[in-house]
Amino acid sequence: FDKVMAAATVLRKAGVPFNTLTCVHRFNAERPLD
């Protein structure tokens, strides 16, 4: 998690547009709003 968040920070700082891709599995499907 921390490395992915660091990557997001690097991209934002450089002005690189990025989308997010989230895999919905058995466990995070229980917490949609989170």
All heavy atoms as atom14 arrays in JSON, in Angstrom:
{
  "sequence": "FDKVMAAATVLRKAGVPFNTLTCVHRFNAERPLD",
  "atom14_mask": [
    [1, 1, 1, 1, 1, 1, 1, 1, 1, 1, 1, 0, 0, 0],
    [1, 1, 1, 1, 1, 1, 1, 1, 0, 0, 0, 0, 0, 0],
    [1, 1, 1, 1, 1, 1, 1, 1, 1, 0, 0, 0, 0, 0],
    [1, 1, 1, 1, 1, 1, 1, 0, 0, 0, 0, 0, 0, 0],
    [1, 1, 1, 1, 1, 1, 1, 1, 0, 0, 0, 0, 0, 0],
    [1, 1, 1, 1, 1, 0, 0, 0, 0, 0, 0, 0, 0, 0],
    [1, 1, 1, 1, 1, 0, 0, 0, 0, 0, 0, 0, 0, 0],
    [1, 1, 1, 1, 1, 0, 0, 0, 0, 0, 0, 0, 0, 0],
    [1, 1, 1, 1, 1, 1, 1, 0, 0, 0, 0, 0, 0, 0],
    [1, 1, 1, 1, 1, 1, 1, 0, 0, 0, 0, 0, 0, 0],
    [1, 1, 1, 1, 1, 1, 1, 1, 0, 0, 0, 0, 0, 0],
    [1, 1, 1, 1, 1, 1, 1, 1, 1, 1, 1, 0, 0, 0],
    [1, 1, 1, 1, 1, 1, 1, 1, 1, 0, 0, 0, 0, 0],
    [1, 1, 1, 1, 1, 0, 0, 0, 0, 0, 0, 0, 0, 0],
    [1, 1, 1, 1, 0, 0, 0, 0, 0, 0, 0, 0, 0, 0],
    [1, 1, 1, 1, 1, 1, 1, 0, 0, 0, 0, 0, 0, 0],
    [1, 1, 1, 1, 1, 1, 1, 0, 0, 0, 0, 0, 0, 0],
    [1, 1, 1, 1, 1, 1, 1, 1, 1, 1, 1, 0, 0, 0],
    [1, 1, 1, 1, 1, 1, 1, 1, 0, 0, 0, 0, 0, 0],
    [1, 1, 1, 1, 1, 1, 1, 0, 0, 0, 0, 0, 0, 0],
    [1, 1, 1, 1, 1, 1, 1, 1, 0, 0, 0, 0, 0, 0],
    [1, 1, 1, 1, 1, 1, 1, 0, 0, 0, 0, 0, 0, 0],
    [1, 1, 1, 1, 1, 1, 0, 0, 0, 0, 0, 0, 0, 0],
    [1, 1, 1, 1, 1, 1, 1, 0, 0, 0, 0, 0, 0, 0],
    [1, 1, 1, 1, 1, 1, 1, 1, 1, 1, 0, 0, 0, 0],
    [1, 1, 1, 1, 1, 1, 1, 1, 1, 1, 1, 0, 0, 0],
    [1, 1, 1, 1, 1, 1, 1, 1, 1, 1, 1, 0, 0, 0],
    [1, 1, 1, 1, 1, 1, 1, 1, 0, 0, 0, 0, 0, 0],
    [1, 1, 1, 1, 1, 0, 0, 0, 0, 0, 0, 0, 0, 0],
    [1, 1, 1, 1, 1, 1, 1, 1, 1, 0, 0, 0, 0, 0],
    [1, 1, 1, 1, 1, 1, 1, 1, 1, 1, 1, 0, 0, 0],
    [1, 1, 1, 1, 1, 1, 1, 0, 0, 0, 0, 0, 0, 0],
    [1, 1, 1, 1, 1, 1, 1, 1, 0, 0, 0, 0, 0, 0],
    [1, 1, 1, 1, 1, 1, 1, 1, 0, 0, 0, 0, 0, 0]
  ],
  "atom14_positions": [
    [[0.82, -1.21, 0.0], [0.0, 0.0, 0.0], [0.85, 1.26, 0.0], [0.61, 2.19, -0.79], [-0.93, 0.0, 1.22], [-1.79, 1.22, 1.34], [-2.96, 1.34, 0.61], [-1.43, 2.27, 2.19], [-3.76, 2.47, 0.73], [-2.22, 3.4, 2.32], [-3.38, 3.5, 1.58], [0.0, 0.0, 0.0], [0.0, 0.0, 0.0], [0.0, 0.0, 0.0]],
    [[1.85, 1.34, 0.88], [2.65, 2.57, 0.99], [3.38, 2.88, -0.32], [3.5, 4.06, -0.71], [3.66, 2.44, 2.13], [2.99, 2.51, 3.5], [1.9, 3.1, 3.61], [3.55, 1.95, 4.46], [0.0, 0.0, 0.0], [0.0, 0.0, 0.0], [0.0, 0.0, 0.0], [0.0, 0.0, 0.0], [0.0, 0.0, 0.0], [0.0, 0.0, 0.0]],
    [[3.85, 1.87, -1.01], [4.56, 2.1, -2.27], [3.62, 2.59, -3.36], [4.0, 3.43, -4.19], [5.29, 0.83, -2.7], [6.47, 0.49, -1.8], [7.29, -0.67, -2.36], [8.53, -0.91, -1.49], [9.37, -2.0, -2.02], [0.0, 0.0, 0.0], [0.0, 0.0, 0.0], [0.0, 0.0, 0.0], [0.0, 0.0, 0.0], [0.0, 0.0, 0.0]],
    [[2.41, 2.09, -3.37], [1.45, 2.56, -4.37], [1.05, 4.0, -4.09], [0.94, 4.82, -5.01], [0.21, 1.65, -4.4], [-0.81, 2.15, -5.42], [0.6, 0.21, -4.72], [0.0, 0.0, 0.0], [0.0, 0.0, 0.0], [0.0, 0.0, 0.0], [0.0, 0.0, 0.0], [0.0, 0.0, 0.0], [0.0, 0.0, 0.0], [0.0, 0.0, 0.0]],
    [[0.87, 4.32, -2.83], [0.55, 5.7, -2.48], [1.7, 6.64, -2.82], [1.48, 7.78, -3.26], [0.19, 5.79, -0.99], [-1.11, 5.09, -0.62], [-2.55, 5.79, -1.47], [-2.71, 7.36, -0.59], [0.0, 0.0, 0.0], [0.0, 0.0, 0.0], [0.0, 0.0, 0.0], [0.0, 0.0, 0.0], [0.0, 0.0, 0.0], [0.0, 0.0, 0.0]],
    [[2.93, 6.16, -2.63], [4.09, 6.97, -3.01], [4.11, 7.2, -4.51], [4.46, 8.3, -4.99], [5.38, 6.27, -2.56], [0.0, 0.0, 0.0], [0.0, 0.0, 0.0], [0.0, 0.0, 0.0], [0.0, 0.0, 0.0], [0.0, 0.0, 0.0], [0.0, 0.0, 0.0], [0.0, 0.0, 0.0], [0.0, 0.0, 0.0], [0.0, 0.0, 0.0]],
    [[3.73, 6.18, -5.29], [3.67, 6.34, -6.74], [2.64, 7.39, -7.13], [2.87, 8.21, -8.03], [3.33, 5.0, -7.39], [0.0, 0.0, 0.0], [0.0, 0.0, 0.0], [0.0, 0.0, 0.0], [0.0, 0.0, 0.0], [0.0, 0.0, 0.0], [0.0, 0.0, 0.0], [0.0, 0.0, 0.0], [0.0, 0.0, 0.0], [0.0, 0.0, 0.0]],
    [[1.49, 7.38, -6.45], [0.46, 8.38, -6.74], [0.99, 9.78, -6.46], [0.71, 10.73, -7.22], [-0.78, 8.09, -5.89], [0.0, 0.0, 0.0], [0.0, 0.0, 0.0], [0.0, 0.0, 0.0], [0.0, 0.0, 0.0], [0.0, 0.0, 0.0], [0.0, 0.0, 0.0], [0.0, 0.0, 0.0], [0.0, 0.0, 0.0], [0.0, 0.0, 0.0]],
    [[1.75, 9.94, -5.39], [2.33, 11.23, -5.06], [3.3, 11.7, -6.13], [3.29, 12.87, -6.55], [3.04, 11.16, -3.7], [2.1, 10.81, -2.68], [3.69, 12.49, -3.35], [0.0, 0.0, 0.0], [0.0, 0.0, 0.0], [0.0, 0.0, 0.0], [0.0, 0.0, 0.0], [0.0, 0.0, 0.0], [0.0, 0.0, 0.0], [0.0, 0.0, 0.0]],
    [[4.13, 10.78, -6.61], [5.1, 11.1, -7.67], [4.37, 11.54, -8.94], [4.75, 12.53, -9.58], [6.0, 9.88, -7.95], [6.78, 10.07, -9.25], [6.96, 9.65, -6.8], [0.0, 0.0, 0.0], [0.0, 0.0, 0.0], [0.0, 0.0, 0.0], [0.0, 0.0, 0.0], [0.0, 0.0, 0.0], [0.0, 0.0, 0.0], [0.0, 0.0, 0.0]],
    [[3.32, 10.83, -9.3], [2.57, 11.17, -10.52], [1.89, 12.52, -10.39], [1.93, 13.35, -11.31], [1.54, 10.08, -10.81], [2.08, 8.71, -11.21], [0.96, 7.68, -11.28], [2.82, 8.77, -12.54], [0.0, 0.0, 0.0], [0.0, 0.0, 0.0], [0.0, 0.0, 0.0], [0.0, 0.0, 0.0], [0.0, 0.0, 0.0], [0.0, 0.0, 0.0]],
    [[1.28, 12.76, -9.24], [0.61, 14.05, -9.03], [1.6, 15.2, -9.08], [1.33, 16.25, -9.68], [-0.14, 14.04, -7.7], [-1.54, 13.45, -7.77], [-2.35, 13.86, -6.55], [-1.74, 13.38, -5.32], [-2.14, 12.29, -4.65], [-3.15, 11.56, -5.1], [-1.54, 11.93, -3.54], [0.0, 0.0, 0.0], [0.0, 0.0, 0.0], [0.0, 0.0, 0.0]],
    [[2.73, 15.02, -8.44], [3.74, 16.08, -8.39], [4.23, 16.44, -9.79], [4.5, 17.61, -10.1], [4.92, 15.62, -7.53], [5.98, 16.69, -7.33], [7.08, 16.21, -6.39], [8.14, 17.28, -6.18], [9.22, 16.8, -5.27], [0.0, 0.0, 0.0], [0.0, 0.0, 0.0], [0.0, 0.0, 0.0], [0.0, 0.0, 0.0], [0.0, 0.0, 0.0]],
    [[4.32, 15.43, -10.66], [4.8, 15.67, -12.02], [3.68, 16.08, -12.98], [3.95, 16.39, -14.14], [5.49, 14.41, -12.55], [0.0, 0.0, 0.0], [0.0, 0.0, 0.0], [0.0, 0.0, 0.0], [0.0, 0.0, 0.0], [0.0, 0.0, 0.0], [0.0, 0.0, 0.0], [0.0, 0.0, 0.0], [0.0, 0.0, 0.0], [0.0, 0.0, 0.0]],
    [[2.44, 16.06, -12.5], [1.32, 16.44, -13.36], [0.94, 15.37, -14.36], [0.42, 15.67, -15.44], [0.0, 0.0, 0.0], [0.0, 0.0, 0.0], [0.0, 0.0, 0.0], [0.0, 0.0, 0.0], [0.0, 0.0, 0.0], [0.0, 0.0, 0.0], [0.0, 0.0, 0.0], [0.0, 0.0, 0.0], [0.0, 0.0, 0.0], [0.0, 0.0, 0.0]],
    [[1.19, 14.11, -14.01], [0.84, 12.99, -14.89], [-0.59, 12.56, -14.58], [-0.89, 12.17, -13.44], [1.79, 11.79, -14.69], [1.38, 10.63, -15.6], [3.24, 12.21, -14.96], [0.0, 0.0, 0.0], [0.0, 0.0, 0.0], [0.0, 0.0, 0.0], [0.0, 0.0, 0.0], [0.0, 0.0, 0.0], [0.0, 0.0, 0.0], [0.0, 0.0, 0.0]],
    [[-1.5, 12.59, -15.55], [-2.87, 12.15, -15.27], [-2.9, 10.65, -15.03], [-2.22, 9.88, -15.71], [-3.63, 12.52, -16.55], [-2.58, 12.55, -17.62], [-1.32, 13.02, -16.95], [0.0, 0.0, 0.0], [0.0, 0.0, 0.0], [0.0, 0.0, 0.0], [0.0, 0.0, 0.0], [0.0, 0.0, 0.0], [0.0, 0.0, 0.0], [0.0, 0.0, 0.0]],
    [[-3.67, 10.23, -14.04], [-3.8, 8.8, -13.82], [-5.21, 8.44, -13.37], [-5.89, 9.21, -12.7], [-2.77, 8.28, -12.8], [-2.94, 8.77, -11.38], [-3.67, 8.02, -10.46], [-2.35, 9.95, -10.95], [-3.82, 8.44, -9.15], [-2.49, 10.39, -9.64], [-3.23, 9.63, -8.74], [0.0, 0.0, 0.0], [0.0, 0.0, 0.0], [0.0, 0.0, 0.0]],
    [[-5.64, 7.27, -13.84], [-6.9, 6.67, -13.41], [-6.59, 5.66, -12.31], [-5.44, 5.26, -12.13], [-7.58, 5.96, -14.57], [-7.84, 6.86, -15.76], [-7.96, 8.06, -15.6], [-7.91, 6.28, -16.94], [0.0, 0.0, 0.0], [0.0, 0.0, 0.0], [0.0, 0.0, 0.0], [0.0, 0.0, 0.0], [0.0, 0.0, 0.0], [0.0, 0.0, 0.0]],
    [[-7.63, 5.24, -11.61], [-7.44, 4.16, -10.65], [-8.22, 2.93, -11.11], [-9.32, 3.04, -11.65], [-7.91, 4.56, -9.24], [-9.26, 5.05, -9.3], [-7.0, 5.64, -8.67], [0.0, 0.0, 0.0], [0.0, 0.0, 0.0], [0.0, 0.0, 0.0], [0.0, 0.0, 0.0], [0.0, 0.0, 0.0], [0.0, 0.0, 0.0], [0.0, 0.0, 0.0]],
    [[-7.62, 1.79, -10.91], [-8.27, 0.52, -11.22], [-8.35, -0.27, -9.93], [-7.33, -0.57, -9.3], [-7.5, -0.26, -12.28], [-8.16, -1.55, -12.79], [-7.75, -1.84, -14.23], [-7.81, -2.75, -11.91], [0.0, 0.0, 0.0], [0.0, 0.0, 0.0], [0.0, 0.0, 0.0], [0.0, 0.0, 0.0], [0.0, 0.0, 0.0], [0.0, 0.0, 0.0]],
    [[-9.55, -0.61, -9.54], [-9.79, -1.33, -8.29], [-10.44, -2.66, -8.59], [-11.5, -2.72, -9.22], [-10.69, -0.51, -7.35], [-10.01, 0.72, -7.03], [-11.01, -1.28, -6.08], [0.0, 0.0, 0.0], [0.0, 0.0, 0.0], [0.0, 0.0, 0.0], [0.0, 0.0, 0.0], [0.0, 0.0, 0.0], [0.0, 0.0, 0.0], [0.0, 0.0, 0.0]],
    [[-9.81, -3.73, -8.16], [-10.38, -5.06, -8.29], [-11.35, -5.28, -7.13], [-10.98, -5.08, -5.96], [-9.29, -6.12, -8.28], [-8.22, -6.08, -9.74], [0.0, 0.0, 0.0], [0.0, 0.0, 0.0], [0.0, 0.0, 0.0], [0.0, 0.0, 0.0], [0.0, 0.0, 0.0], [0.0, 0.0, 0.0], [0.0, 0.0, 0.0], [0.0, 0.0, 0.0]],
    [[-12.57, -5.66, -7.45], [-13.6, -5.88, -6.42], [-13.64, -7.37, -6.13], [-14.08, -8.17, -6.97], [-14.97, -5.37, -6.89], [-16.0, -5.53, -5.77], [-14.88, -3.91, -7.32], [0.0, 0.0, 0.0], [0.0, 0.0, 0.0], [0.0, 0.0, 0.0], [0.0, 0.0, 0.0], [0.0, 0.0, 0.0], [0.0, 0.0, 0.0], [0.0, 0.0, 0.0]],
    [[-13.19, -7.73, -4.93], [-13.12, -9.13, -4.55], [-14.08, -9.4, -3.39], [-14.88, -8.53, -3.01], [-11.68, -9.54, -4.23], [-10.98, -8.63, -3.27], [-11.29, -8.55, -1.93], [-9.98, -7.72, -3.46], [-10.51, -7.68, -1.33], [-9.71, -7.14, -2.24], [0.0, 0.0, 0.0], [0.0, 0.0, 0.0], [0.0, 0.0, 0.0], [0.0, 0.0, 0.0]],
    [[-13.98, -10.57, -2.86], [-14.94, -11.01, -1.86], [-14.96, -10.12, -0.62], [-15.99, -9.97, 0.03], [-14.62, -12.45, -1.47], [-15.6, -13.06, -0.48], [-15.23, -14.51, -0.22], [-15.94, -15.07, 0.9], [-15.64, -16.24, 1.46], [-14.64, -16.95, 0.98], [-16.32, -16.69, 2.5], [0.0, 0.0, 0.0], [0.0, 0.0, 0.0], [0.0, 0.0, 0.0]],
    [[-13.83, -9.49, -0.3], [-13.74, -8.76, 0.96], [-13.97, -7.26, 0.8], [-14.72, -6.67, 1.58], [-12.4, -9.06, 1.63], [-12.29, -10.5, 2.04], [-11.65, -11.42, 1.24], [-12.88, -10.94, 3.21], [-11.58, -12.76, 1.6], [-12.82, -12.28, 3.58], [-12.17, -13.19, 2.77], [0.0, 0.0, 0.0], [0.0, 0.0, 0.0], [0.0, 0.0, 0.0]],
    [[-13.35, -6.61, -0.18], [-13.61, -5.17, -0.28], [-15.01, -4.87, -0.81], [-15.51, -3.76, -0.67], [-12.53, -4.45, -1.09], [-12.45, -4.87, -2.53], [-13.18, -5.75, -2.99], [-11.53, -4.25, -3.28], [0.0, 0.0, 0.0], [0.0, 0.0, 0.0], [0.0, 0.0, 0.0], [0.0, 0.0, 0.0], [0.0, 0.0, 0.0], [0.0, 0.0, 0.0]],
    [[-15.68, -5.89, -1.4], [-17.07, -5.69, -1.83], [-18.0, -5.41, -0.66], [-19.09, -4.85, -0.85], [-17.56, -6.93, -2.59], [0.0, 0.0, 0.0], [0.0, 0.0, 0.0], [0.0, 0.0, 0.0], [0.0, 0.0, 0.0], [0.0, 0.0, 0.0], [0.0, 0.0, 0.0], [0.0, 0.0, 0.0], [0.0, 0.0, 0.0], [0.0, 0.0, 0.0]],
    [[-17.58, -5.77, 0.55], [-18.39, -5.53, 1.74], [-18.32, -4.08, 2.2], [-19.12, -3.65, 3.03], [-17.93, -6.44, 2.89], [-18.03, -7.93, 2.58], [-19.47, -8.4, 2.49], [-20.35, -7.74, 3.08], [-19.72, -9.41, 1.81], [0.0, 0.0, 0.0], [0.0, 0.0, 0.0], [0.0, 0.0, 0.0], [0.0, 0.0, 0.0], [0.0, 0.0, 0.0]],
    [[-17.39, -3.3, 1.64], [-17.19, -1.93, 2.12], [-17.15, -0.94, 0.94], [-16.15, -0.27, 0.71], [-15.91, -1.86, 2.94], [-15.99, -2.68, 4.23], [-14.66, -2.8, 4.93], [-14.06, -1.51, 5.21], [-12.84, -1.37, 5.76], [-12.14, -2.43, 6.08], [-12.34, -0.17, 5.98], [0.0, 0.0, 0.0], [0.0, 0.0, 0.0], [0.0, 0.0, 0.0]],
    [[-18.22, -0.85, 0.2], [-18.22, -0.02, -1.01], [-17.92, 1.45, -0.76], [-17.16, 2.07, -1.52], [-19.62, -0.23, -1.58], [-20.45, -0.73, -0.44], [-19.52, -1.51, 0.41], [0.0, 0.0, 0.0], [0.0, 0.0, 0.0], [0.0, 0.0, 0.0], [0.0, 0.0, 0.0], [0.0, 0.0, 0.0], [0.0, 0.0, 0.0], [0.0, 0.0, 0.0]],
    [[-18.51, 2.03, 0.27], [-18.3, 3.46, 0.49], [-16.91, 3.75, 1.0], [-16.32, 4.79, 0.67], [-19.36, 3.99, 1.47], [-20.8, 3.95, 0.95], [-21.74, 4.64, 1.92], [-20.91, 4.6, -0.43], [0.0, 0.0, 0.0], [0.0, 0.0, 0.0], [0.0, 0.0, 0.0], [0.0, 0.0, 0.0], [0.0, 0.0, 0.0], [0.0, 0.0, 0.0]],
    [[-16.35, 2.84, 1.79], [-14.96, 3.02, 2.24], [-14.03, 3.03, 1.03], [-13.09, 3.85, 0.96], [-14.56, 1.91, 3.2], [-15.22, 2.03, 4.56], [-15.73, 3.13, 4.87], [-15.25, 1.03, 5.3], [0.0, 0.0, 0.0], [0.0, 0.0, 0.0], [0.0, 0.0, 0.0], [0.0, 0.0, 0.0], [0.0, 0.0, 0.0], [0.0, 0.0, 0.0]]
  ]
}
